[in-house]
Amino acid sequence: MNIFIALFLSISISFSNYNQFNQAFIDVSKEQSSSIVSIVSEKTEQIQDMFFFNPFFDDFGFDKNPNQKERKSRGLGSGVIIDKDNGYIITNAHVIDDAEEVKVILFDKREINANIIAVDVLSDIAVIQIDSDNLQEAKPGDSENLQIGEWIIAIGSPFGLHLNHTVTAGIVSAVGRTDVVSRRNFENFIQHDAAINPGNSGGGLFNLNGELVGINTAIATDGFSKSNAGVGFAVPINQVMRVIDDLINEGKVLRGYLGVQIGPIDNDMMKALGLDSKEGALIAEVVKDSPADIAGLNAKDVIIGMNSIPISDYNELRNKVSSAKPGDVIVFNILRNKISKNIVVTLGLRPSEDQLYAESNSLNYDLLGFKVENNKDGKGILIIDIDSSSNAYDKNIRIGDIITELGNEIINNIDEYKNILESYSVGDAIMIRVVSNGSPRYEAFEIN
């Protein structure tokens, strides 16, 4: 009899726990779905009627293609109401990219035209606004508290309006993911396995407390389709709120600026510099008269912390500096010739992309966007820095890689490299053979 009672109690407790766990998903879905919207964007595209294309028009000074036509292109995404009183909605920049008209469809089926407030391509975040009442806003959580293995819920509009407000669930697979969409962007993604698909972009990621912890942005596919393959990425809500505060109040994001070219620390670099680990970011160049230069940071300094908080790699440093405000005073913890130092820097305002491009060119990068030197063993040349504005930067090429072929030519030294490079110009496509940690591969990109 006692065994029967114990078994009955055990089953009852398990069933009760299951119901509580199940109810958490039901509650979040019910409470937060109305804070999610579907977004339809439209823009005009020019298309060529190739069948009637006449190449002779250009020779006589006429429009090269008088049969050029226009068509309306339609995009679909999701968004999250973040301020019900002012009608502010967060979405992805790529959802409303170049849109001429934006329409929002609410949970209760109302359709409302929206105004684009501001867009930040580097974080892929945008703010739009609608004029309406009876809105429900999402409550932002703290993405810094997210734990790997924690349950999360995604809500959005995958594959079309007929599937809007779809709810999926999964766990946090990883945090701090970078180099997912573009190495030029400021990426610090939450990786999760809740199913998200085309149309989910800009939708909300919630924890089981019903708090908004991220904005779904990208998916990894199997390479043959555009559908979910179990790997999704979301911009952490802490980063999102930092961005939208500036977008709403300033019309653009005012990011902190240090004025250094930085790169990763690999095994060889660690040994050469006498470091105990690969943690931190190596300064390859200091921009003249920049905040870093004024404060006394030097090339070959290794930044290992900001305000005594450790820096794991150069991506984390880049993200943290950009998340700071111009005028913020930061104590950078560095290693210089194996000696620990603290350098106090007052951050400046990050220049525009055009200004940064001009700045990069002034740092003597070559046509491909590299700084190179002869490899010690005489085989190929060593990449010692990469211009962040070059197309090569978006490829899987790293500082410390060795270039052994340029085009169809084998390279043994810098002179051969420079001679071959003279036959190329901006706009050309080029393929190079690089060796990373002993493993060779080919990379191709357009020279910009």
Protein backbone atom coordinates (compact mmCIF):
# COMPACT_ATOMS: atom_id res chain seq x y z
CA MET A 1 0.00 0.00 0.00
CA ASN A 2 2.83 2.39 0.89
CA ILE A 3 4.51 1.69 -2.46
CA PHE A 4 1.23 2.49 -4.27
CA ILE A 5 0.85 5.82 -2.42
CA ALA A 6 4.48 6.79 -3.15
CA LEU A 7 4.06 5.97 -6.84
CA PHE A 8 0.78 7.93 -7.00
CA LEU A 9 2.40 10.98 -5.38
CA SER A 10 5.38 10.78 -7.73
CA ILE A 11 3.16 10.68 -10.81
CA SER A 12 1.01 13.53 -9.46
CA ILE A 13 4.06 15.74 -8.81
CA SER A 14 5.52 14.98 -12.25
CA PHE A 15 2.21 15.74 -13.93
CA SER A 16 1.94 18.99 -11.95
CA ASN A 17 5.47 20.04 -12.98
CA TYR A 18 4.69 19.18 -16.60
CA ASN A 19 1.54 21.29 -16.54
CA GLN A 20 3.42 24.24 -15.02
CA PHE A 21 6.16 23.96 -17.64
CA ASN A 22 3.62 23.65 -20.44
CA GLN A 23 1.61 26.60 -19.11
CA ALA A 24 4.66 28.89 -19.29
CA PHE A 25 4.80 28.46 -23.08
CA ILE A 26 1.06 28.95 -23.39
CA ASP A 27 1.15 32.13 -21.30
CA VAL A 28 4.01 33.72 -23.24
CA SER A 29 2.39 32.87 -26.57
CA LYS A 30 -0.96 34.29 -25.46
CA GLU A 31 0.42 37.42 -23.82
CA GLN A 32 3.10 38.41 -26.36
CA SER A 33 1.58 37.53 -29.76
CA SER A 34 -0.29 40.83 -29.88
CA SER A 35 3.00 42.75 -29.52
CA ILE A 36 4.23 41.15 -32.76
CA VAL A 37 3.28 42.62 -36.15
CA SER A 38 3.65 41.56 -39.77
CA ILE A 39 5.40 44.08 -42.02
CA VAL A 40 4.84 44.40 -45.76
CA SER A 41 7.31 46.63 -47.62
CA GLU A 42 7.07 47.73 -51.23
CA LYS A 43 9.56 49.36 -53.57
CA THR A 44 9.83 50.04 -57.30
CA GLU A 45 12.43 48.11 -59.27
CA GLN A 46 13.71 48.71 -62.79
CA ILE A 47 13.64 45.63 -65.03
CA GLN A 48 15.00 45.15 -68.54
CA ASP A 49 12.92 43.67 -71.32
CA MET A 50 15.83 41.74 -72.78
CA PHE A 51 13.83 40.40 -75.73
CA PHE A 52 13.44 43.88 -77.16
CA PHE A 53 16.88 45.13 -76.09
CA ASN A 54 18.50 47.21 -78.86
CA PRO A 55 22.24 47.83 -78.44
CA PHE A 56 22.27 50.42 -81.27
CA PHE A 57 20.27 53.01 -79.33
CA ASP A 58 23.30 53.95 -77.26
CA ASP A 59 25.40 54.59 -80.36
CA PHE A 60 22.96 57.24 -81.56
CA GLY A 61 22.70 59.01 -78.22
CA PHE A 62 19.36 57.52 -77.23
CA ASP A 63 18.34 55.66 -74.10
CA LYS A 64 20.09 52.31 -74.29
CA ASN A 65 16.93 50.42 -73.46
CA PRO A 66 13.67 52.24 -74.20
CA ASN A 67 11.80 49.12 -73.12
CA GLN A 68 12.97 49.35 -69.52
CA LYS A 69 10.02 48.72 -67.24
CA GLU A 70 9.13 49.23 -63.62
CA ARG A 71 7.58 46.73 -61.26
CA LYS A 72 6.54 46.73 -57.64
CA SER A 73 8.62 44.45 -55.45
CA ARG A 74 7.11 43.21 -52.19
CA GLY A 75 8.92 42.06 -49.06
CA LEU A 76 7.60 40.49 -45.89
CA GLY A 77 8.97 40.52 -42.38
CA SER A 78 8.00 40.87 -38.74
CA GLY A 79 8.32 43.52 -36.07
CA VAL A 80 7.87 44.12 -32.34
CA ILE A 81 5.89 46.97 -30.77
CA ILE A 82 8.26 48.52 -28.24
CA ASP A 83 6.38 51.73 -27.35
CA LYS A 84 2.57 51.59 -27.54
CA ASP A 85 2.08 55.28 -26.72
CA ASN A 86 4.25 56.53 -29.59
CA GLY A 87 3.63 53.58 -31.92
CA TYR A 88 7.31 52.64 -32.25
CA ILE A 89 8.06 49.24 -33.76
CA ILE A 90 11.43 47.49 -34.01
CA THR A 91 12.32 45.44 -37.08
CA ASN A 92 15.37 44.51 -39.13
CA ALA A 93 16.96 47.04 -41.47
CA HIS A 94 16.90 44.49 -44.30
CA VAL A 95 13.12 44.05 -43.92
CA ILE A 96 12.46 47.66 -45.01
CA ASP A 97 15.59 48.18 -47.11
CA ASP A 98 14.90 50.92 -49.72
CA ALA A 99 11.16 50.58 -49.10
CA GLU A 100 8.88 53.26 -50.54
CA GLU A 101 5.82 52.06 -48.64
CA VAL A 102 5.59 50.12 -45.39
CA LYS A 103 2.40 48.59 -44.05
CA VAL A 104 1.91 46.98 -40.64
CA ILE A 105 -0.63 44.25 -39.94
CA LEU A 106 -1.55 43.92 -36.28
CA PHE A 107 -2.61 40.82 -34.36
CA ASP A 108 -6.26 41.92 -34.58
CA LYS A 109 -5.96 42.17 -38.43
CA ARG A 110 -5.85 45.98 -38.58
CA GLU A 111 -3.68 47.26 -41.45
CA ILE A 112 -1.87 50.55 -40.86
CA ASN A 113 0.63 52.49 -42.97
CA ALA A 114 3.94 53.06 -41.18
CA ASN A 115 6.62 55.74 -41.35
CA ILE A 116 10.30 54.81 -41.34
CA ILE A 117 11.96 56.66 -38.46
CA ALA A 118 15.57 55.57 -38.93
CA VAL A 119 17.68 52.60 -40.05
CA ASP A 120 21.04 51.28 -38.85
CA VAL A 121 22.52 48.87 -41.37
CA LEU A 122 25.54 47.98 -39.22
CA SER A 123 23.34 46.39 -36.54
CA ASP A 124 20.51 45.47 -38.96
CA ILE A 125 18.02 47.31 -36.75
CA ALA A 126 15.35 49.81 -37.83
CA VAL A 127 12.53 51.73 -36.17
CA ILE A 128 9.17 52.39 -37.83
CA GLN A 129 6.14 54.19 -36.40
CA ILE A 130 2.38 53.82 -36.70
CA ASP A 131 -0.44 56.05 -35.51
CA SER A 132 -2.91 53.83 -33.70
CA ASP A 133 -4.42 53.12 -30.31
CA ASN A 134 -5.03 49.86 -28.45
CA LEU A 135 -1.50 48.62 -28.98
CA GLN A 136 0.36 46.17 -26.78
CA GLU A 137 4.08 46.60 -26.28
CA ALA A 138 6.67 43.97 -25.45
CA LYS A 139 8.60 44.25 -22.20
CA PRO A 140 12.38 44.19 -22.77
CA GLY A 141 14.36 41.78 -20.61
CA ASP A 142 18.09 41.62 -19.96
CA SER A 143 19.89 39.62 -22.64
CA GLU A 144 23.06 39.61 -20.52
CA ASN A 145 21.30 37.14 -18.21
CA LEU A 146 20.56 34.60 -20.96
CA GLN A 147 22.05 31.18 -20.28
CA ILE A 148 23.06 28.55 -22.82
CA GLY A 149 20.41 25.84 -22.62
CA GLU A 150 17.65 28.25 -21.54
CA TRP A 151 14.26 27.85 -23.21
CA ILE A 152 13.15 30.64 -25.57
CA ILE A 153 10.10 31.35 -27.78
CA ALA A 154 10.13 32.98 -31.23
CA ILE A 155 7.08 34.70 -32.71
CA GLY A 156 6.86 35.96 -36.29
CA SER A 157 5.42 35.54 -39.79
CA PRO A 158 7.29 32.77 -41.65
CA PHE A 159 6.64 32.22 -45.35
CA GLY A 160 3.77 34.68 -45.70
CA LEU A 161 0.87 36.50 -44.10
CA HIS A 162 -1.22 33.33 -43.97
CA LEU A 163 1.22 32.05 -41.31
CA ASN A 164 1.58 35.25 -39.28
CA HIS A 165 2.02 35.06 -35.50
CA THR A 166 3.54 31.60 -35.68
CA VAL A 167 5.01 30.49 -32.34
CA THR A 168 8.07 28.21 -32.16
CA ALA A 169 10.26 27.19 -29.23
CA GLY A 170 13.81 26.07 -28.64
CA ILE A 171 16.84 26.69 -26.47
CA VAL A 172 19.70 29.16 -26.47
CA SER A 173 22.47 27.30 -28.29
CA ALA A 174 25.22 29.92 -27.89
CA VAL A 175 25.77 33.62 -27.25
CA GLY A 176 28.22 36.16 -28.63
CA ARG A 177 28.22 34.76 -32.17
CA THR A 178 30.05 36.94 -34.72
CA ASP A 179 31.00 36.78 -38.42
CA VAL A 180 27.53 35.40 -39.23
CA VAL A 181 26.14 37.93 -41.74
CA SER A 182 29.10 40.25 -42.36
CA ARG A 183 32.37 40.94 -40.60
CA ARG A 184 31.71 44.65 -41.16
CA ASN A 185 28.56 44.58 -39.05
CA PHE A 186 28.40 44.82 -35.28
CA GLU A 187 27.38 41.27 -34.48
CA ASN A 188 26.90 39.72 -31.06
CA PHE A 189 24.18 37.24 -31.91
CA ILE A 190 22.17 34.92 -29.70
CA GLN A 191 22.19 31.55 -31.47
CA HIS A 192 19.09 29.40 -30.90
CA ASP A 193 17.26 26.47 -32.44
CA ALA A 194 13.67 27.75 -32.42
CA ALA A 195 12.43 27.43 -36.01
CA ILE A 196 12.64 30.77 -37.83
CA ASN A 197 12.28 31.12 -41.58
CA PRO A 198 12.03 33.86 -44.25
CA GLY A 199 9.45 36.32 -42.92
CA ASN A 200 10.49 35.81 -39.31
CA SER A 201 13.13 38.55 -39.64
CA GLY A 202 12.41 41.32 -37.14
CA GLY A 203 10.22 39.13 -34.96
CA GLY A 204 10.59 38.73 -31.21
CA LEU A 205 12.56 36.24 -29.16
CA PHE A 206 11.16 35.83 -25.62
CA ASN A 207 12.22 34.04 -22.47
CA LEU A 208 9.72 32.03 -20.40
CA ASN A 209 9.04 35.10 -18.24
CA GLY A 210 7.54 36.74 -21.33
CA GLU A 211 10.42 39.23 -21.62
CA LEU A 212 11.77 40.29 -25.01
CA VAL A 213 15.40 39.15 -25.14
CA GLY A 214 16.21 39.47 -28.84
CA ILE A 215 15.15 40.37 -32.39
CA ASN A 216 15.36 37.46 -34.82
CA THR A 217 17.59 38.42 -37.72
CA ALA A 218 19.20 35.57 -39.63
CA ILE A 219 19.16 31.84 -40.24
CA ALA A 220 21.80 29.33 -41.26
CA THR A 221 20.63 27.02 -44.04
CA ASP A 222 21.86 23.77 -45.52
CA GLY A 223 23.18 25.65 -48.54
CA PHE A 224 20.46 24.38 -50.88
CA SER A 225 17.38 26.13 -49.53
CA LYS A 226 16.35 29.29 -47.72
CA SER A 227 14.48 27.49 -44.98
CA ASN A 228 15.40 26.83 -41.39
CA ALA A 229 18.10 24.28 -40.64
CA GLY A 230 17.88 24.48 -36.86
CA VAL A 231 20.23 27.44 -36.46
CA GLY A 232 18.79 30.91 -35.92
CA PHE A 233 20.36 34.18 -34.81
CA ALA A 234 18.89 37.10 -32.88
CA VAL A 235 20.27 40.53 -31.96
CA PRO A 236 20.39 40.76 -28.14
CA ILE A 237 17.79 43.16 -26.78
CA ASN A 238 20.40 45.12 -24.79
CA GLN A 239 22.17 45.96 -28.05
CA VAL A 240 18.85 46.69 -29.76
CA MET A 241 17.73 49.16 -27.08
CA ARG A 242 21.07 50.97 -27.25
CA VAL A 243 20.63 51.35 -31.02
CA ILE A 244 16.96 52.38 -31.10
CA ASP A 245 17.48 55.00 -28.41
CA ASP A 246 19.82 56.82 -30.79
CA LEU A 247 17.70 56.10 -33.86
CA ILE A 248 14.64 57.68 -32.26
CA ASN A 249 16.40 60.63 -30.62
CA GLU A 250 19.25 61.33 -33.05
CA GLY A 251 18.14 59.76 -36.34
CA LYS A 252 21.34 57.72 -36.43
CA VAL A 253 23.52 55.71 -34.07
CA LEU A 254 26.29 57.64 -32.31
CA ARG A 255 28.97 55.03 -31.65
CA GLY A 256 32.15 55.25 -29.65
CA TYR A 257 35.40 55.46 -31.60
CA LEU A 258 38.87 54.38 -30.48
CA GLY A 259 40.87 54.74 -33.70
CA VAL A 260 42.76 51.47 -34.00
CA GLN A 261 43.05 48.62 -36.46
CA ILE A 262 42.75 45.40 -34.45
CA GLY A 263 43.02 41.71 -35.14
CA PRO A 264 42.88 38.27 -33.49
CA ILE A 265 45.65 36.53 -31.60
CA ASP A 266 46.48 33.05 -32.95
CA ASN A 267 48.89 30.46 -31.57
CA ASP A 268 51.89 31.84 -33.43
CA MET A 269 51.11 35.40 -32.36
CA MET A 270 50.70 34.28 -28.77
CA LYS A 271 54.13 32.65 -28.80
CA ALA A 272 55.82 35.56 -30.58
CA LEU A 273 54.44 38.08 -28.07
CA GLY A 274 55.09 35.85 -25.07
CA LEU A 275 51.43 35.77 -24.06
CA ASP A 276 49.84 33.19 -21.79
CA SER A 277 46.61 32.94 -23.83
CA LYS A 278 44.87 34.05 -27.02
CA GLU A 279 42.49 36.28 -25.05
CA GLY A 280 42.36 39.92 -26.10
CA ALA A 281 42.86 41.95 -29.27
CA LEU A 282 46.12 42.92 -30.95
CA ILE A 283 46.49 46.52 -32.16
CA ALA A 284 47.94 46.44 -35.67
CA GLU A 285 47.78 50.18 -36.31
CA VAL A 286 46.85 53.37 -34.45
CA VAL A 287 45.18 56.11 -36.48
CA LYS A 288 47.06 59.38 -36.23
CA ASP A 289 45.39 61.98 -33.95
CA SER A 290 42.67 59.50 -32.97
CA PRO A 291 41.55 59.05 -29.33
CA ALA A 292 43.85 56.01 -29.10
CA ASP A 293 46.81 57.98 -30.43
CA ILE A 294 46.17 60.92 -28.09
CA ALA A 295 45.92 58.58 -25.10
CA GLY A 296 49.14 56.75 -25.94
CA LEU A 297 48.06 53.35 -27.27
CA ASN A 298 50.61 51.78 -29.62
CA ALA A 299 50.78 49.15 -32.33
CA LYS A 300 51.54 45.69 -30.83
CA ASP A 301 49.69 46.58 -27.63
CA VAL A 302 47.29 43.80 -26.65
CA ILE A 303 43.98 45.02 -25.20
CA ILE A 304 42.86 42.48 -22.62
CA GLY A 305 40.13 44.45 -20.82
CA MET A 306 37.85 47.48 -20.65
CA ASN A 307 37.28 48.97 -17.21
CA SER A 308 38.75 45.79 -15.70
CA ILE A 309 36.26 43.57 -17.55
CA PRO A 310 38.15 40.97 -19.62
CA ILE A 311 38.01 41.09 -23.44
CA SER A 312 37.92 37.66 -25.06
CA ASP A 313 38.72 38.65 -28.66
CA TYR A 314 38.82 41.52 -31.13
CA ASN A 315 35.14 41.15 -32.07
CA GLU A 316 34.09 41.65 -28.46
CA LEU A 317 36.33 44.72 -28.19
CA ARG A 318 34.88 46.17 -31.39
CA ASN A 319 31.31 45.61 -30.18
CA LYS A 320 31.95 47.07 -26.73
CA VAL A 321 33.66 50.18 -28.05
CA SER A 322 30.83 50.79 -30.53
CA SER A 323 28.22 50.28 -27.80
CA ALA A 324 29.85 53.00 -25.70
CA LYS A 325 28.97 56.65 -26.25
CA PRO A 326 31.23 59.34 -27.72
CA GLY A 327 32.82 61.14 -24.79
CA ASP A 328 32.81 58.09 -22.51
CA VAL A 329 36.03 57.71 -20.54
CA ILE A 330 37.30 54.12 -20.72
CA VAL A 331 40.21 52.47 -18.94
CA PHE A 332 41.78 50.00 -21.36
CA ASN A 333 43.77 47.22 -19.72
CA ILE A 334 46.66 46.31 -22.01
CA LEU A 335 49.80 44.24 -22.23
CA ARG A 336 52.84 46.02 -23.69
CA ASN A 337 56.03 43.99 -23.96
CA LYS A 338 54.53 41.55 -21.43
CA ILE A 339 53.97 44.40 -18.93
CA SER A 340 50.43 45.19 -17.77
CA LYS A 341 49.32 48.82 -18.14
CA ASN A 342 46.14 50.88 -17.89
CA ILE A 343 45.51 53.50 -20.57
CA VAL A 344 42.69 56.02 -20.08
CA VAL A 345 40.94 56.99 -23.34
CA THR A 346 38.12 59.45 -24.00
CA LEU A 347 36.23 57.91 -26.91
CA GLY A 348 35.43 59.97 -29.98
CA LEU A 349 32.50 59.77 -32.42
CA ARG A 350 32.81 56.92 -34.88
CA PRO A 351 33.20 58.41 -38.39
CA SER A 352 30.93 57.53 -41.30
CA GLU A 353 31.70 54.48 -43.44
CA ASP A 354 33.08 56.73 -46.21
CA GLN A 355 35.41 58.45 -43.74
CA LEU A 356 36.56 55.12 -42.35
CA TYR A 357 37.23 53.88 -45.87
CA ALA A 358 39.38 56.93 -46.60
CA GLU A 359 41.10 56.43 -43.25
CA SER A 360 41.84 52.79 -44.08
CA ASN A 361 43.34 53.76 -47.42
CA SER A 362 45.67 56.15 -45.62
CA LEU A 363 47.09 53.22 -43.65
CA ASN A 364 48.86 51.83 -46.74
CA TYR A 365 46.76 48.74 -47.46
CA ASP A 366 47.35 47.22 -50.87
CA LEU A 367 44.79 46.84 -53.67
CA LEU A 368 43.31 43.71 -52.07
CA GLY A 369 43.04 45.34 -48.65
CA PHE A 370 46.03 43.56 -47.11
CA LYS A 371 49.24 44.47 -45.34
CA VAL A 372 51.79 41.75 -46.00
CA GLU A 373 55.36 40.78 -45.31
CA ASN A 374 57.66 37.99 -46.46
CA ASN A 375 56.98 34.62 -44.87
CA LYS A 376 59.92 33.34 -42.83
CA ASP A 377 60.20 29.99 -44.64
CA GLY A 378 60.26 31.67 -48.07
CA LYS A 379 56.99 30.16 -49.24
CA GLY A 380 54.33 32.77 -49.86
CA ILE A 381 53.69 36.02 -48.00
CA LEU A 382 52.21 36.59 -44.56
CA ILE A 383 49.06 38.68 -44.02
CA ILE A 384 49.69 40.98 -41.05
CA ASP A 385 46.54 43.12 -41.33
CA ILE A 386 43.28 43.32 -43.30
CA ASP A 387 41.35 46.47 -44.22
CA SER A 388 37.89 46.17 -42.64
CA SER A 389 36.36 48.06 -45.60
CA SER A 390 37.68 45.62 -48.22
CA ASN A 391 35.74 42.72 -49.74
CA ALA A 392 38.54 40.44 -48.58
CA TYR A 393 37.53 41.27 -45.00
CA ASP A 394 34.15 39.56 -45.53
CA LYS A 395 35.85 36.33 -46.56
CA ASN A 396 37.23 33.64 -44.28
CA ILE A 397 40.69 35.22 -44.35
CA ARG A 398 42.55 35.98 -41.15
CA ILE A 399 45.65 37.81 -39.99
CA GLY A 400 48.42 35.21 -39.96
CA ASP A 401 47.22 33.44 -43.12
CA ILE A 402 49.81 32.85 -45.84
CA ILE A 403 49.11 33.71 -49.50
CA THR A 404 50.82 31.21 -51.81
CA GLU A 405 49.02 31.93 -55.10
CA LEU A 406 47.59 35.08 -56.66
CA GLY A 407 45.37 34.40 -59.66
CA ASN A 408 47.16 31.59 -61.45
CA GLU A 409 50.65 32.58 -60.27
CA ILE A 410 52.65 31.01 -57.44
CA ILE A 411 54.08 33.57 -55.01
CA ASN A 412 57.32 33.23 -53.08
CA ASN A 413 57.95 36.79 -51.89
CA ILE A 414 56.57 40.33 -51.72
CA ASP A 415 58.23 41.44 -54.97
CA GLU A 416 56.46 38.69 -56.93
CA TYR A 417 53.21 39.54 -55.13
CA LYS A 418 53.45 43.25 -56.02
CA ASN A 419 54.36 42.57 -59.65
CA ILE A 420 51.37 40.29 -60.17
CA LEU A 421 49.05 42.67 -58.31
CA GLU A 422 49.88 45.46 -60.79
CA SER A 423 47.91 43.61 -63.48
CA TYR A 424 44.70 43.91 -61.45
CA SER A 425 42.43 46.88 -60.77
CA VAL A 426 39.27 47.78 -58.84
CA GLY A 427 36.28 45.75 -60.04
CA ASP A 428 38.32 42.71 -61.07
CA ALA A 429 37.54 39.33 -59.55
CA ILE A 430 40.53 37.57 -58.05
CA MET A 431 41.19 34.16 -56.54
CA ILE A 432 43.93 33.58 -54.01
CA ARG A 433 45.26 30.46 -52.34
CA VAL A 434 45.74 30.89 -48.62
CA VAL A 435 47.17 28.57 -46.00
CA SER A 436 45.68 28.76 -42.49
CA ASN A 437 47.37 26.71 -39.76
CA GLY A 438 48.79 24.39 -42.41
CA SER A 439 45.48 23.89 -44.29
CA PRO A 440 45.34 25.34 -47.84
CA ARG A 441 42.18 26.60 -49.56
CA TYR A 442 41.05 29.06 -52.23
CA GLU A 443 39.16 32.31 -51.66
CA ALA A 444 37.68 34.54 -54.37
CA PHE A 445 36.29 38.10 -54.17
CA GLU A 446 35.84 41.28 -56.17
CA ILE A 447 38.44 43.99 -55.63
CA ASN A 448 36.87 47.18 -54.26
